[in-house]
Amino acid sequence: MYRIVMKIDGMMCGMCEAHINDVIRKNVKDAKKVVSSHTKKESSFLCDEIPDLNGLKQAIKQTGYEAEDIRVETYEKKGLFR
Protein backbone atom coordinates (compact mmCIF):
# COMPACT_ATOMS: atom_id res chain seq x y z
CA MET A 1 0.00 0.00 0.00
CA TYR A 2 1.20 3.52 -0.75
CA ARG A 3 0.61 6.95 0.77
CA ILE A 4 0.63 9.80 -1.75
CA VAL A 5 1.29 13.30 -0.35
CA MET A 6 0.92 16.34 -2.58
CA LYS A 7 1.67 20.02 -1.99
CA ILE A 8 -1.23 21.96 -3.52
CA ASP A 9 -1.09 25.68 -4.30
CA GLY A 10 -4.30 27.68 -4.49
CA MET A 11 -6.45 26.12 -1.74
CA MET A 12 -8.03 28.86 0.38
CA CYS A 13 -10.92 27.23 2.26
CA GLY A 14 -12.80 24.06 3.08
CA MET A 15 -14.59 24.13 -0.27
CA CYS A 16 -11.22 24.11 -2.05
CA GLU A 17 -10.30 21.03 -0.01
CA ALA A 18 -13.53 19.35 -1.14
CA HIS A 19 -12.75 20.15 -4.80
CA ILE A 20 -9.28 18.57 -4.52
CA ASN A 21 -10.70 15.51 -2.72
CA ASP A 22 -13.28 15.06 -5.50
CA VAL A 23 -10.59 15.27 -8.19
CA ILE A 24 -8.48 12.65 -6.37
CA ARG A 25 -11.43 10.27 -5.91
CA LYS A 26 -12.47 10.69 -9.54
CA ASN A 27 -8.99 10.04 -10.96
CA VAL A 28 -7.69 7.41 -8.51
CA LYS A 29 -10.31 4.66 -8.29
CA ASP A 30 -8.81 2.88 -5.26
CA ALA A 31 -8.05 6.08 -3.25
CA LYS A 32 -8.76 5.68 0.46
CA LYS A 33 -8.57 8.13 3.38
CA VAL A 34 -8.45 11.19 1.13
CA VAL A 35 -7.59 14.24 3.25
CA SER A 36 -6.80 17.82 2.23
CA SER A 37 -5.78 20.81 4.31
CA HIS A 38 -5.79 24.36 2.98
CA THR A 39 -3.77 25.56 6.00
CA LYS A 40 -0.99 23.03 5.32
CA LYS A 41 -1.50 23.36 1.54
CA GLU A 42 -1.38 19.58 1.38
CA SER A 43 -3.47 16.60 0.25
CA SER A 44 -2.86 12.94 0.95
CA PHE A 45 -4.47 9.59 0.28
CA LEU A 46 -3.79 5.85 0.41
CA CYS A 47 -3.93 3.49 -2.56
CA ASP A 48 -2.94 -0.07 -3.43
CA GLU A 49 -0.95 0.83 -6.56
CA ILE A 50 0.90 3.98 -7.55
CA PRO A 51 -1.49 6.01 -9.75
CA ASP A 52 -0.66 8.02 -12.87
CA LEU A 53 0.85 11.02 -11.07
CA ASN A 54 1.18 13.16 -14.19
CA GLY A 55 -2.47 12.57 -15.06
CA LEU A 56 -3.48 13.46 -11.50
CA LYS A 57 -1.40 16.65 -11.66
CA GLN A 58 -3.12 17.64 -14.90
CA ALA A 59 -6.58 16.93 -13.47
CA ILE A 60 -5.81 19.13 -10.46
CA LYS A 61 -4.49 21.88 -12.75
CA GLN A 62 -7.73 21.80 -14.77
CA THR A 63 -9.69 22.68 -11.62
CA GLY A 64 -7.56 25.80 -11.03
CA TYR A 65 -5.07 24.48 -8.46
CA GLU A 66 -1.41 23.55 -8.82
CA ALA A 67 0.10 20.28 -7.55
CA GLU A 68 3.68 21.39 -6.89
CA ASP A 69 5.29 18.41 -5.22
CA ILE A 70 4.18 14.77 -5.04
CA ARG A 71 5.76 12.25 -2.65
CA VAL A 72 5.12 8.52 -2.73
CA GLU A 73 5.70 6.69 0.56
CA THR A 74 5.20 3.04 1.38
CA TYR A 75 2.47 2.59 3.95
CA GLU A 76 2.05 -0.30 6.31
CA LYS A 77 -1.53 -0.84 7.35
CA LYS A 78 -1.94 -0.59 11.09
CA GLY A 79 -4.63 -2.68 12.62
CA LEU A 80 -5.74 -4.56 15.67
CA PHE A 81 -4.58 -7.96 14.41
CA ARG A 82 -1.20 -7.09 12.91
PDB file of N, CA and C in Angstrom:
ATOM      1  N   MET A   1       0.845  -1.167   0.000  1.00  0.00           N
ATOM      2  CA  MET A   1       0.000   0.000   0.000  1.00  0.00           C
ATOM      3  C   MET A   1       0.899   1.242   0.000  1.00  0.00           C
ATOM      4  N   TYR A   2       0.411   2.293  -0.621  1.00  0.00           N
ATOM      5  CA  TYR A   2       1.197   3.520  -0.749  1.00  0.00           C
ATOM      6  C   TYR A   2       0.429   4.713  -0.192  1.00  0.00           C
ATOM      7  N   ARG A   3       1.176   5.673   0.321  1.00  0.00           N
ATOM      8  CA  ARG A   3       0.612   6.951   0.768  1.00  0.00           C
ATOM      9  C   ARG A   3       1.163   8.013  -0.178  1.00  0.00           C
ATOM     10  N   ILE A   4       0.266   8.737  -0.821  1.00  0.00           N
ATOM     11  CA  ILE A   4       0.628   9.801  -1.750  1.00  0.00           C
ATOM     12  C   ILE A   4       0.383  11.127  -1.044  1.00  0.00           C
ATOM     13  N   VAL A   5       1.398  11.981  -0.987  1.00  0.00           N
ATOM     14  CA  VAL A   5       1.294  13.295  -0.350  1.00  0.00           C
ATOM     15  C   VAL A   5       1.632  14.342  -1.402  1.00  0.00           C
ATOM     16  N   MET A   6       0.732  15.307  -1.566  1.00  0.00           N
ATOM     17  CA  MET A   6       0.921  16.344  -2.577  1.00  0.00           C
ATOM     18  C   MET A   6       0.859  17.725  -1.943  1.00  0.00           C
ATOM     19  N   LYS A   7       1.747  18.607  -2.347  1.00  0.00           N
ATOM     20  CA  LYS A   7       1.667  20.020  -1.985  1.00  0.00           C
ATOM     21  C   LYS A   7       0.789  20.684  -3.035  1.00  0.00           C
ATOM     22  N   ILE A   8      -0.263  21.350  -2.605  1.00  0.00           N
ATOM     23  CA  ILE A   8      -1.228  21.964  -3.518  1.00  0.00           C
ATOM     24  C   ILE A   8      -1.235  23.471  -3.297  1.00  0.00           C
ATOM     25  N   ASP A   9      -1.037  24.227  -4.369  1.00  0.00           N
ATOM     26  CA  ASP A   9      -1.087  25.680  -4.297  1.00  0.00           C
ATOM     27  C   ASP A   9      -2.450  26.154  -4.781  1.00  0.00           C
ATOM     28  N   GLY A  10      -3.046  27.088  -4.065  1.00  0.00           N
ATOM     29  CA  GLY A  10      -4.305  27.675  -4.489  1.00  0.00           C
ATOM     30  C   GLY A  10      -5.484  27.353  -3.596  1.00  0.00           C
ATOM     31  N   MET A  11      -5.347  26.424  -2.644  1.00  0.00           N
ATOM     32  CA  MET A  11      -6.452  26.118  -1.739  1.00  0.00           C
ATOM     33  C   MET A  11      -6.575  27.235  -0.703  1.00  0.00           C
ATOM     34  N   MET A  12      -7.804  27.752  -0.544  1.00  0.00           N
ATOM     35  CA  MET A  12      -8.033  28.862   0.379  1.00  0.00           C
ATOM     36  C   MET A  12      -9.032  28.543   1.492  1.00  0.00           C
ATOM     37  N   CYS A  13      -9.853  27.494   1.298  1.00  0.00           N
ATOM     38  CA  CYS A  13     -10.921  27.232   2.264  1.00  0.00           C
ATOM     39  C   CYS A  13     -11.325  25.752   2.231  1.00  0.00           C
ATOM     40  N   GLY A  14     -12.308  25.419   3.021  1.00  0.00           N
ATOM     41  CA  GLY A  14     -12.803  24.056   3.075  1.00  0.00           C
ATOM     42  C   GLY A  14     -13.418  23.587   1.766  1.00  0.00           C
ATOM     43  N   MET A  15     -14.012  24.502   1.022  1.00  0.00           N
ATOM     44  CA  MET A  15     -14.594  24.133  -0.267  1.00  0.00           C
ATOM     45  C   MET A  15     -13.492  23.755  -1.260  1.00  0.00           C
ATOM     46  N   CYS A  16     -12.370  24.455  -1.204  1.00  0.00           N
ATOM     47  CA  CYS A  16     -11.220  24.111  -2.047  1.00  0.00           C
ATOM     48  C   CYS A  16     -10.734  22.703  -1.723  1.00  0.00           C
ATOM     49  N   GLU A  17     -10.702  22.377  -0.431  1.00  0.00           N
ATOM     50  CA  GLU A  17     -10.298  21.034  -0.013  1.00  0.00           C
ATOM     51  C   GLU A  17     -11.235  19.989  -0.612  1.00  0.00           C
ATOM     52  N   ALA A  18     -12.540  20.278  -0.591  1.00  0.00           N
ATOM     53  CA  ALA A  18     -13.526  19.352  -1.144  1.00  0.00           C
ATOM     54  C   ALA A  18     -13.326  19.174  -2.652  1.00  0.00           C
ATOM     55  N   HIS A  19     -12.989  20.247  -3.349  1.00  0.00           N
ATOM     56  CA  HIS A  19     -12.749  20.154  -4.799  1.00  0.00           C
ATOM     57  C   HIS A  19     -11.563  19.227  -5.082  1.00  0.00           C
ATOM     58  N   ILE A  20     -10.477  19.404  -4.337  1.00  0.00           N
ATOM     59  CA  ILE A  20      -9.284  18.568  -4.517  1.00  0.00           C
ATOM     60  C   ILE A  20      -9.612  17.110  -4.195  1.00  0.00           C
ATOM     61  N   ASN A  21     -10.333  16.875  -3.097  1.00  0.00           N
ATOM     62  CA  ASN A  21     -10.704  15.514  -2.717  1.00  0.00           C
ATOM     63  C   ASN A  21     -11.532  14.850  -3.821  1.00  0.00           C
ATOM     64  N   ASP A  22     -12.461  15.598  -4.416  1.00  0.00           N
ATOM     65  CA  ASP A  22     -13.283  15.064  -5.499  1.00  0.00           C
ATOM     66  C   ASP A  22     -12.434  14.692  -6.715  1.00  0.00           C
ATOM     67  N   VAL A  23     -11.468  15.550  -7.050  1.00  0.00           N
ATOM     68  CA  VAL A  23     -10.588  15.267  -8.192  1.00  0.00           C
ATOM     69  C   VAL A  23      -9.782  13.999  -7.934  1.00  0.00           C
ATOM     70  N   ILE A  24      -9.266  13.848  -6.718  1.00  0.00           N
ATOM     71  CA  ILE A  24      -8.481  12.653  -6.374  1.00  0.00           C
ATOM     72  C   ILE A  24      -9.350  11.404  -6.482  1.00  0.00           C
ATOM     73  N   ARG A  25     -10.539  11.448  -5.880  1.00  0.00           N
ATOM     74  CA  ARG A  25     -11.429  10.275  -5.907  1.00  0.00           C
ATOM     75  C   ARG A  25     -11.861   9.919  -7.330  1.00  0.00           C
ATOM     76  N   LYS A  26     -12.048  10.931  -8.167  1.00  0.00           N
ATOM     77  CA  LYS A  26     -12.472  10.693  -9.542  1.00  0.00           C
ATOM     78  C   LYS A  26     -11.351  10.084 -10.382  1.00  0.00           C
ATOM     79  N   ASN A  27     -10.107  10.468 -10.130  1.00  0.00           N
ATOM     80  CA  ASN A  27      -8.985  10.038 -10.963  1.00  0.00           C
ATOM     81  C   ASN A  27      -8.215   8.849 -10.403  1.00  0.00           C
ATOM     82  N   VAL A  28      -8.357   8.563  -9.128  1.00  0.00           N
ATOM     83  CA  VAL A  28      -7.689   7.407  -8.514  1.00  0.00           C
ATOM     84  C   VAL A  28      -8.786   6.530  -7.924  1.00  0.00           C
ATOM     85  N   LYS A  29      -9.151   5.490  -8.645  1.00  0.00           N
ATOM     86  CA  LYS A  29     -10.315   4.664  -8.289  1.00  0.00           C
ATOM     87  C   LYS A  29     -10.187   3.966  -6.939  1.00  0.00           C
ATOM     88  N   ASP A  30      -8.967   3.590  -6.534  1.00  0.00           N
ATOM     89  CA  ASP A  30      -8.806   2.885  -5.259  1.00  0.00           C
ATOM     90  C   ASP A  30      -8.303   3.802  -4.147  1.00  0.00           C
ATOM     91  N   ALA A  31      -8.503   5.121  -4.275  1.00  0.00           N
ATOM     92  CA  ALA A  31      -8.054   6.076  -3.250  1.00  0.00           C
ATOM     93  C   ALA A  31      -8.855   5.891  -1.967  1.00  0.00           C
ATOM     94  N   LYS A  32      -8.146   5.830  -0.865  1.00  0.00           N
ATOM     95  CA  LYS A  32      -8.760   5.680   0.458  1.00  0.00           C
ATOM     96  C   LYS A  32      -8.211   6.768   1.370  1.00  0.00           C
ATOM     97  N   LYS A  33      -8.977   7.134   2.377  1.00  0.00           N
ATOM     98  CA  LYS A  33      -8.571   8.125   3.377  1.00  0.00           C
ATOM     99  C   LYS A  33      -8.041   9.404   2.724  1.00  0.00           C
ATOM    100  N   VAL A  34      -8.825   9.963   1.834  1.00  0.00           N
ATOM    101  CA  VAL A  34      -8.448  11.191   1.131  1.00  0.00           C
ATOM    102  C   VAL A  34      -8.640  12.368   2.082  1.00  0.00           C
ATOM    103  N   VAL A  35      -7.559  13.108   2.320  1.00  0.00           N
ATOM    104  CA  VAL A  35      -7.590  14.243   3.250  1.00  0.00           C
ATOM    105  C   VAL A  35      -6.850  15.412   2.619  1.00  0.00           C
ATOM    106  N   SER A  36      -7.458  16.606   2.712  1.00  0.00           N
ATOM    107  CA  SER A  36      -6.803  17.821   2.231  1.00  0.00           C
ATOM    108  C   SER A  36      -6.850  18.874   3.323  1.00  0.00           C
ATOM    109  N   SER A  37      -5.850  19.728   3.346  1.00  0.00           N
ATOM    110  CA  SER A  37      -5.781  20.815   4.313  1.00  0.00           C
ATOM    111  C   SER A  37      -5.323  22.080   3.610  1.00  0.00           C
ATOM    112  N   HIS A  38      -6.187  23.101   3.623  1.00  0.00           N
ATOM    113  CA  HIS A  38      -5.786  24.356   2.984  1.00  0.00           C
ATOM    114  C   HIS A  38      -4.764  25.105   3.832  1.00  0.00           C
ATOM    115  N   THR A  39      -4.758  24.889   5.146  1.00  0.00           N
ATOM    116  CA  THR A  39      -3.770  25.559   5.998  1.00  0.00           C
ATOM    117  C   THR A  39      -2.372  24.983   5.795  1.00  0.00           C
ATOM    118  N   LYS A  40      -2.280  23.671   5.586  1.00  0.00           N
ATOM    119  CA  LYS A  40      -0.986  23.034   5.321  1.00  0.00           C
ATOM    120  C   LYS A  40      -0.638  23.046   3.839  1.00  0.00           C
ATOM    121  N   LYS A  41      -1.645  23.403   3.002  1.00  0.00           N
ATOM    122  CA  LYS A  41      -1.498  23.361   1.537  1.00  0.00           C
ATOM    123  C   LYS A  41      -1.065  21.964   1.088  1.00  0.00           C
ATOM    124  N   GLU A  42      -1.788  20.965   1.609  1.00  0.00           N
ATOM    125  CA  GLU A  42      -1.383  19.580   1.385  1.00  0.00           C
ATOM    126  C   GLU A  42      -2.604  18.675   1.244  1.00  0.00           C
ATOM    127  N   SER A  43      -2.473  17.657   0.401  1.00  0.00           N
ATOM    128  CA  SER A  43      -3.473  16.602   0.255  1.00  0.00           C
ATOM    129  C   SER A  43      -2.767  15.262   0.321  1.00  0.00           C
ATOM    130  N   SER A  44      -3.452  14.272   0.887  1.00  0.00           N
ATOM    131  CA  SER A  44      -2.857  12.940   0.950  1.00  0.00           C
ATOM    132  C   SER A  44      -3.955  11.892   0.824  1.00  0.00           C
ATOM    133  N   PHE A  45      -3.553  10.710   0.378  1.00  0.00           N
ATOM    134  CA  PHE A  45      -4.475   9.588   0.278  1.00  0.00           C
ATOM    135  C   PHE A  45      -3.678   8.292   0.234  1.00  0.00           C
ATOM    136  N   LEU A  46      -4.377   7.191   0.479  1.00  0.00           N
ATOM    137  CA  LEU A  46      -3.789   5.853   0.413  1.00  0.00           C
ATOM    138  C   LEU A  46      -4.318   5.149  -0.832  1.00  0.00           C
ATOM    139  N   CYS A  47      -3.495   4.286  -1.420  1.00  0.00           N
ATOM    140  CA  CYS A  47      -3.934   3.485  -2.557  1.00  0.00           C
ATOM    141  C   CYS A  47      -3.088   2.217  -2.628  1.00  0.00           C
ATOM    142  N   ASP A  48      -3.626   1.219  -3.318  1.00  0.00           N
ATOM    143  CA  ASP A  48      -2.939  -0.070  -3.433  1.00  0.00           C
ATOM    144  C   ASP A  48      -1.796  -0.039  -4.439  1.00  0.00           C
ATOM    145  N   GLU A  49      -1.981   0.714  -5.521  1.00  0.00           N
ATOM    146  CA  GLU A  49      -0.953   0.828  -6.557  1.00  0.00           C
ATOM    147  C   GLU A  49      -0.669   2.298  -6.821  1.00  0.00           C
ATOM    148  N   ILE A  50       0.531   2.597  -7.254  1.00  0.00           N
ATOM    149  CA  ILE A  50       0.899   3.984  -7.548  1.00  0.00           C
ATOM    150  C   ILE A  50       0.101   4.449  -8.766  1.00  0.00           C
ATOM    151  N   PRO A  51      -0.674   5.532  -8.625  1.00  0.00           N
ATOM    152  CA  PRO A  51      -1.486   6.014  -9.752  1.00  0.00           C
ATOM    153  C   PRO A  51      -0.652   6.786 -10.769  1.00  0.00           C
ATOM    154  N   ASP A  52      -1.294   7.175 -11.862  1.00  0.00           N
ATOM    155  CA  ASP A  52      -0.665   8.021 -12.874  1.00  0.00           C
ATOM    156  C   ASP A  52      -0.536   9.428 -12.284  1.00  0.00           C
ATOM    157  N   LEU A  53       0.640   9.754 -11.772  1.00  0.00           N
ATOM    158  CA  LEU A  53       0.846  11.019 -11.070  1.00  0.00           C
ATOM    159  C   LEU A  53       0.779  12.218 -12.005  1.00  0.00           C
ATOM    160  N   ASN A  54       1.266  12.066 -13.223  1.00  0.00           N
ATOM    161  CA  ASN A  54       1.181  13.162 -14.189  1.00  0.00           C
ATOM    162  C   ASN A  54      -0.268  13.444 -14.562  1.00  0.00           C
ATOM    163  N   GLY A  55      -1.045  12.407 -14.754  1.00  0.00           N
ATOM    164  CA  GLY A  55      -2.466  12.574 -15.058  1.00  0.00           C
ATOM    165  C   GLY A  55      -3.212  13.244 -13.915  1.00  0.00           C
ATOM    166  N   LEU A  56      -2.864  12.859 -12.682  1.00  0.00           N
ATOM    167  CA  LEU A  56      -3.478  13.458 -11.500  1.00  0.00           C
ATOM    168  C   LEU A  56      -3.112  14.936 -11.392  1.00  0.00           C
ATOM    169  N   LYS A  57      -1.847  15.248 -11.669  1.00  0.00           N
ATOM    170  CA  LYS A  57      -1.398  16.649 -11.656  1.00  0.00           C
ATOM    171  C   LYS A  57      -2.182  17.483 -12.665  1.00  0.00           C
ATOM    172  N   GLN A  58      -2.377  16.934 -13.862  1.00  0.00           N
ATOM    173  CA  GLN A  58      -3.118  17.639 -14.903  1.00  0.00           C
ATOM    174  C   GLN A  58      -4.586  17.840 -14.512  1.00  0.00           C
ATOM    175  N   ALA A  59      -5.189  16.823 -13.903  1.00  0.00           N
ATOM    176  CA  ALA A  59      -6.584  16.931 -13.472  1.00  0.00           C
ATOM    177  C   ALA A  59      -6.738  18.011 -12.404  1.00  0.00           C
ATOM    178  N   ILE A  60      -5.777  18.088 -11.496  1.00  0.00           N
ATOM    179  CA  ILE A  60      -5.807  19.127 -10.461  1.00  0.00           C
ATOM    180  C   ILE A  60      -5.634  20.503 -11.097  1.00  0.00           C
ATOM    181  N   LYS A  61      -4.732  20.599 -12.060  1.00  0.00           N
ATOM    182  CA  LYS A  61      -4.488  21.876 -12.746  1.00  0.00           C
ATOM    183  C   LYS A  61      -5.744  22.357 -13.485  1.00  0.00           C
ATOM    184  N   GLN A  62      -6.510  21.433 -14.048  1.00  0.00           N
ATOM    185  CA  GLN A  62      -7.733  21.797 -14.775  1.00  0.00           C
ATOM    186  C   GLN A  62      -8.802  22.394 -13.860  1.00  0.00           C
ATOM    187  N   THR A  63      -8.724  22.116 -12.564  1.00  0.00           N
ATOM    188  CA  THR A  63      -9.693  22.685 -11.621  1.00  0.00           C
ATOM    189  C   THR A  63      -9.224  24.020 -11.053  1.00  0.00           C
ATOM    190  N   GLY A  64      -8.025  24.479 -11.452  1.00  0.00           N
ATOM    191  CA  GLY A  64      -7.558  25.798 -11.030  1.00  0.00           C
ATOM    192  C   GLY A  64      -6.536  25.784  -9.909  1.00  0.00           C
ATOM    193  N   TYR A  65      -6.076  24.604  -9.518  1.00  0.00           N
ATOM    194  CA  TYR A  65      -5.071  24.476  -8.465  1.00  0.00           C
ATOM    195  C   TYR A  65      -3.778  23.956  -9.077  1.00  0.00           C
ATOM    196  N   GLU A  66      -2.711  23.995  -8.310  1.00  0.00           N
ATOM    197  CA  GLU A  66      -1.413  23.555  -8.820  1.00  0.00           C
ATOM    198  C   GLU A  66      -0.816  22.532  -7.856  1.00  0.00           C
ATOM    199  N   ALA A  67      -0.587  21.310  -8.335  1.00  0.00           N
ATOM    200  CA  ALA A  67       0.105  20.283  -7.547  1.00  0.00           C
ATOM    201  C   ALA A  67       1.599  20.488  -7.759  1.00  0.00           C
ATOM    202  N   GLU A  68       2.274  21.008  -6.736  1.00  0.00           N
ATOM    203  CA  GLU A  68       3.678  21.390  -6.892  1.00  0.00           C
ATOM    204  C   GLU A  68       4.647  20.255  -6.606  1.00  0.00           C
ATOM    205  N   ASP A  69       4.358  19.466  -5.623  1.00  0.00           N
ATOM    206  CA  ASP A  69       5.288  18.408  -5.224  1.00  0.00           C
ATOM    207  C   ASP A  69       4.470  17.170  -4.859  1.00  0.00           C
ATOM    208  N   ILE A  70       4.881  16.014  -5.361  1.00  0.00           N
ATOM    209  CA  ILE A  70       4.182  14.770  -5.041  1.00  0.00           C
ATOM    210  C   ILE A  70       5.200  13.777  -4.485  1.00  0.00           C
ATOM    211  N   ARG A  71       4.910  13.265  -3.284  1.00  0.00           N
ATOM    212  CA  ARG A  71       5.763  12.249  -2.650  1.00  0.00           C
ATOM    213  C   ARG A  71       4.996  10.936  -2.579  1.00  0.00           C
ATOM    214  N   VAL A  72       5.695   9.855  -2.851  1.00  0.00           N
ATOM    215  CA  VAL A  72       5.122   8.518  -2.731  1.00  0.00           C
ATOM    216  C   VAL A  72       5.866   7.815  -1.598  1.00  0.00           C
ATOM    217  N   GLU A  73       5.112   7.375  -0.592  1.00  0.00           N
ATOM    218  CA  GLU A  73       5.697   6.686   0.558  1.00  0.00           C
ATOM    219  C   GLU A  73       5.056   5.312   0.683  1.00  0.00           C
ATOM    220  N   THR A  74       5.823   4.337   1.099  1.00  0.00           N
ATOM    221  CA  THR A  74       5.202   3.039   1.379  1.00  0.00           C
ATOM    222  C   THR A  74       4.452   3.173   2.700  1.00  0.00           C
ATOM    223  N   TYR A  75       3.333   2.486   2.776  1.00  0.00           N
ATOM    224  CA  TYR A  75       2.472   2.593   3.946  1.00  0.00           C
ATOM    225  C   TYR A  75       2.142   1.202   4.443  1.00  0.00           C
ATOM    226  N   GLU A  76       2.386   0.986   5.703  1.00  0.00           N
ATOM    227  CA  GLU A  76       2.051  -0.296   6.308  1.00  0.00           C
ATOM    228  C   GLU A  76       0.760  -0.142   7.088  1.00  0.00           C
ATOM    229  N   LYS A  77      -0.217  -0.920   6.716  1.00  0.00           N
ATOM    230  CA  LYS A  77      -1.529  -0.836   7.347  1.00  0.00           C
ATOM    231  C   LYS A  77      -1.407  -1.203   8.816  1.00  0.00           C
ATOM    232  N   LYS A  78      -1.966  -0.340   9.657  1.00  0.00           N
ATOM    233  CA  LYS A  78      -1.941  -0.590  11.091  1.00  0.00           C
ATOM    234  C   LYS A  78      -3.322  -1.062  11.503  1.00  0.00           C
ATOM    235  N   GLY A  79      -3.329  -2.148  12.225  1.00  0.00           N
ATOM    236  CA  GLY A  79      -4.631  -2.684  12.620  1.00  0.00           C
ATOM    237  C   GLY A  79      -4.534  -3.421  13.940  1.00  0.00           C
ATOM    238  N   LEU A  80      -5.645  -3.877  14.393  1.00  0.00           N
ATOM    239  CA  LEU A  80      -5.737  -4.559  15.670  1.00  0.00           C
ATOM    240  C   LEU A  80      -5.031  -5.921  15.626  1.00  0.00           C
ATOM    241  N   PHE A  81      -5.105  -6.601  14.500  1.00  0.00           N
ATOM    242  CA  PHE A  81      -4.577  -7.963  14.411  1.00  0.00           C
ATOM    243  C   PHE A  81      -3.331  -8.038  13.540  1.00  0.00           C
ATOM    244  N   ARG A  82      -2.423  -7.148  13.684  1.00  0.00           N
ATOM    245  CA  ARG A  82      -1.195  -7.091  12.910  1.00  0.00           C
ATOM    246  C   ARG A  82      -0.236  -8.153  13.304  1.00  0.00           C
TER     247      ARG A  82
END
